[in-house]
């Protein structure tokens, strides 16, 4: 694993868990991506609130940088390559902000951690 790196001035940081294979495709705006992900509240210890790896869950697909997910996810996935896994710390303003997300018991102004594995880009 490499140390955390800042993704621009967004406040989102990325820590590589598993590098992509050499020559792997990169994500571009509008690509449909499919990911496995696990979300945690950035508490001590971190508290899991959701995972596509849990029983009954499936990988999650969405178009990147099209406003369909929280801004922190768009920023995170735009930095990824197919086959890569990384841990992202997402500040509240790039997550659910002041409203939180009651369905997942995310309180207002919560900093989040997501472990994301990029499975496919545009179905490949």
Protein backbone atom coordinates (compact mmCIF):
# COMPACT_ATOMS: atom_id res chain seq x y z
CA UNK A 1 0.00 0.00 0.00
CA UNK A 2 1.15 3.51 -0.73
CA UNK A 3 0.58 6.47 1.59
CA UNK A 4 -2.47 8.69 1.15
CA UNK A 5 -2.41 11.24 -1.67
CA UNK A 6 -4.64 14.29 -2.06
CA UNK A 7 -6.92 14.36 -5.10
CA UNK A 8 -6.66 17.98 -6.17
CA UNK A 9 -8.03 20.49 -3.67
CA UNK A 10 -11.22 18.48 -3.08
CA UNK A 11 -10.16 17.25 0.37
CA UNK A 12 -10.55 13.65 -0.88
CA UNK A 13 -7.52 11.45 -0.23
CA UNK A 14 -6.61 8.15 -1.87
CA UNK A 15 -4.56 5.28 -0.54
CA UNK A 16 -3.81 2.50 -3.00
CA UNK A 17 -4.65 -1.01 -1.77
CA UNK A 18 -4.01 -2.89 -5.03
CA UNK A 19 -2.56 -1.40 -8.20
CA UNK A 20 -4.11 -2.02 -11.60
CA UNK A 21 -2.30 -4.15 -14.15
CA UNK A 22 0.08 -2.21 -16.42
CA UNK A 23 -1.84 -0.65 -19.32
CA UNK A 24 -5.22 -0.92 -17.56
CA UNK A 25 -7.94 1.42 -18.77
CA UNK A 26 -8.50 4.69 -16.90
CA UNK A 27 -11.89 6.15 -16.06
CA UNK A 28 -13.17 9.15 -18.04
CA UNK A 29 -16.15 11.42 -17.43
CA UNK A 30 -19.41 9.71 -18.39
CA UNK A 31 -18.00 6.16 -18.31
CA UNK A 32 -20.30 3.60 -16.74
CA UNK A 33 -18.32 1.91 -13.97
CA UNK A 34 -19.12 -1.10 -11.83
CA UNK A 35 -17.50 -1.27 -8.40
CA UNK A 36 -17.40 -3.26 -5.23
CA UNK A 37 -17.37 -0.88 -2.30
CA UNK A 38 -17.55 -0.78 1.45
CA UNK A 39 -18.42 2.42 3.31
CA UNK A 40 -17.36 3.37 6.83
CA UNK A 41 -17.89 6.32 9.11
CA UNK A 42 -14.44 7.81 9.78
CA UNK A 43 -14.72 7.17 13.51
CA UNK A 44 -12.29 5.37 15.79
CA UNK A 45 -12.69 2.52 15.13
CA UNK A 46 -14.32 3.01 11.69
CA UNK A 47 -17.96 1.86 11.62
CA UNK A 48 -19.17 0.05 8.48
CA UNK A 49 -22.54 1.26 7.20
CA UNK A 50 -22.81 -0.51 3.82
CA UNK A 51 -21.01 -2.95 1.54
CA UNK A 52 -21.71 -4.48 -1.86
CA UNK A 53 -19.91 -7.55 -0.52
CA UNK A 54 -22.55 -8.18 2.17
CA UNK A 55 -25.00 -11.04 1.71
CA UNK A 56 -27.76 -10.12 -0.72
CA UNK A 57 -25.81 -7.16 -2.18
CA UNK A 58 -24.32 -6.87 -5.67
CA UNK A 59 -21.69 -4.65 -7.30
CA UNK A 60 -22.84 -1.07 -7.88
CA UNK A 61 -22.87 0.62 -11.31
CA UNK A 62 -23.15 4.31 -12.18
CA UNK A 63 -22.00 6.89 -14.76
CA UNK A 64 -18.95 8.75 -13.42
CA UNK A 65 -18.92 12.53 -12.93
CA UNK A 66 -22.55 12.89 -13.98
CA UNK A 67 -23.97 13.84 -10.55
CA UNK A 68 -25.54 10.43 -9.85
CA UNK A 69 -23.50 9.75 -6.67
CA UNK A 70 -21.88 11.90 -3.99
CA UNK A 71 -19.19 14.22 -5.37
CA UNK A 72 -16.48 12.39 -3.41
CA UNK A 73 -17.28 9.17 -5.27
CA UNK A 74 -17.05 10.91 -8.64
CA UNK A 75 -13.65 12.38 -7.68
CA UNK A 76 -12.47 9.02 -6.32
CA UNK A 77 -13.52 6.95 -9.31
CA UNK A 78 -12.12 9.46 -11.82
CA UNK A 79 -8.69 8.72 -10.27
CA UNK A 80 -8.96 4.96 -10.77
CA UNK A 81 -8.01 2.32 -13.34
CA UNK A 82 -9.76 -0.99 -14.05
CA UNK A 83 -8.73 -3.65 -11.52
CA UNK A 84 -7.46 -1.14 -8.95
CA UNK A 85 -8.55 -1.10 -5.31
CA UNK A 86 -8.14 1.96 -3.11
CA UNK A 87 -9.27 3.50 0.17
CA UNK A 88 -10.70 7.01 -0.04
CA UNK A 89 -11.33 9.46 2.78
CA UNK A 90 -14.15 11.80 1.81
CA UNK A 91 -14.83 14.99 3.77
CA UNK A 92 -18.41 15.79 4.67
CA UNK A 93 -18.74 18.51 2.02
CA UNK A 94 -17.93 15.92 -0.67
CA UNK A 95 -20.21 13.33 0.95
CA UNK A 96 -23.65 13.77 2.50
CA UNK A 97 -22.89 17.13 4.13
CA UNK A 98 -25.17 18.68 6.70
CA UNK A 99 -28.12 16.45 5.81
CA UNK A 100 -26.33 13.14 6.46
CA UNK A 101 -28.01 9.99 5.14
CA UNK A 102 -30.44 8.53 7.66
CA UNK A 103 -31.06 5.27 5.73
CA UNK A 104 -27.43 4.28 6.38
CA UNK A 105 -27.24 5.99 9.78
CA UNK A 106 -24.74 8.56 8.48
CA UNK A 107 -24.97 11.59 10.76
CA UNK A 108 -24.76 15.18 9.53
CA UNK A 109 -21.25 16.46 8.73
CA UNK A 110 -19.73 12.94 8.77
CA UNK A 111 -16.35 12.22 7.22
CA UNK A 112 -16.50 8.94 5.29
CA UNK A 113 -14.12 6.18 4.22
CA UNK A 114 -14.84 4.07 1.15
CA UNK A 115 -12.87 1.07 -0.03
CA UNK A 116 -13.55 0.81 -3.76
CA UNK A 117 -12.54 -1.90 -6.24
CA UNK A 118 -13.08 -0.90 -9.87
CA UNK A 119 -14.44 -3.99 -11.65
CA UNK A 120 -15.45 -2.74 -15.10
CA UNK A 121 -15.49 0.37 -17.26
CA UNK A 122 -18.34 0.48 -19.80
CA UNK A 123 -19.03 -3.21 -19.17
CA UNK A 124 -15.47 -4.35 -19.91
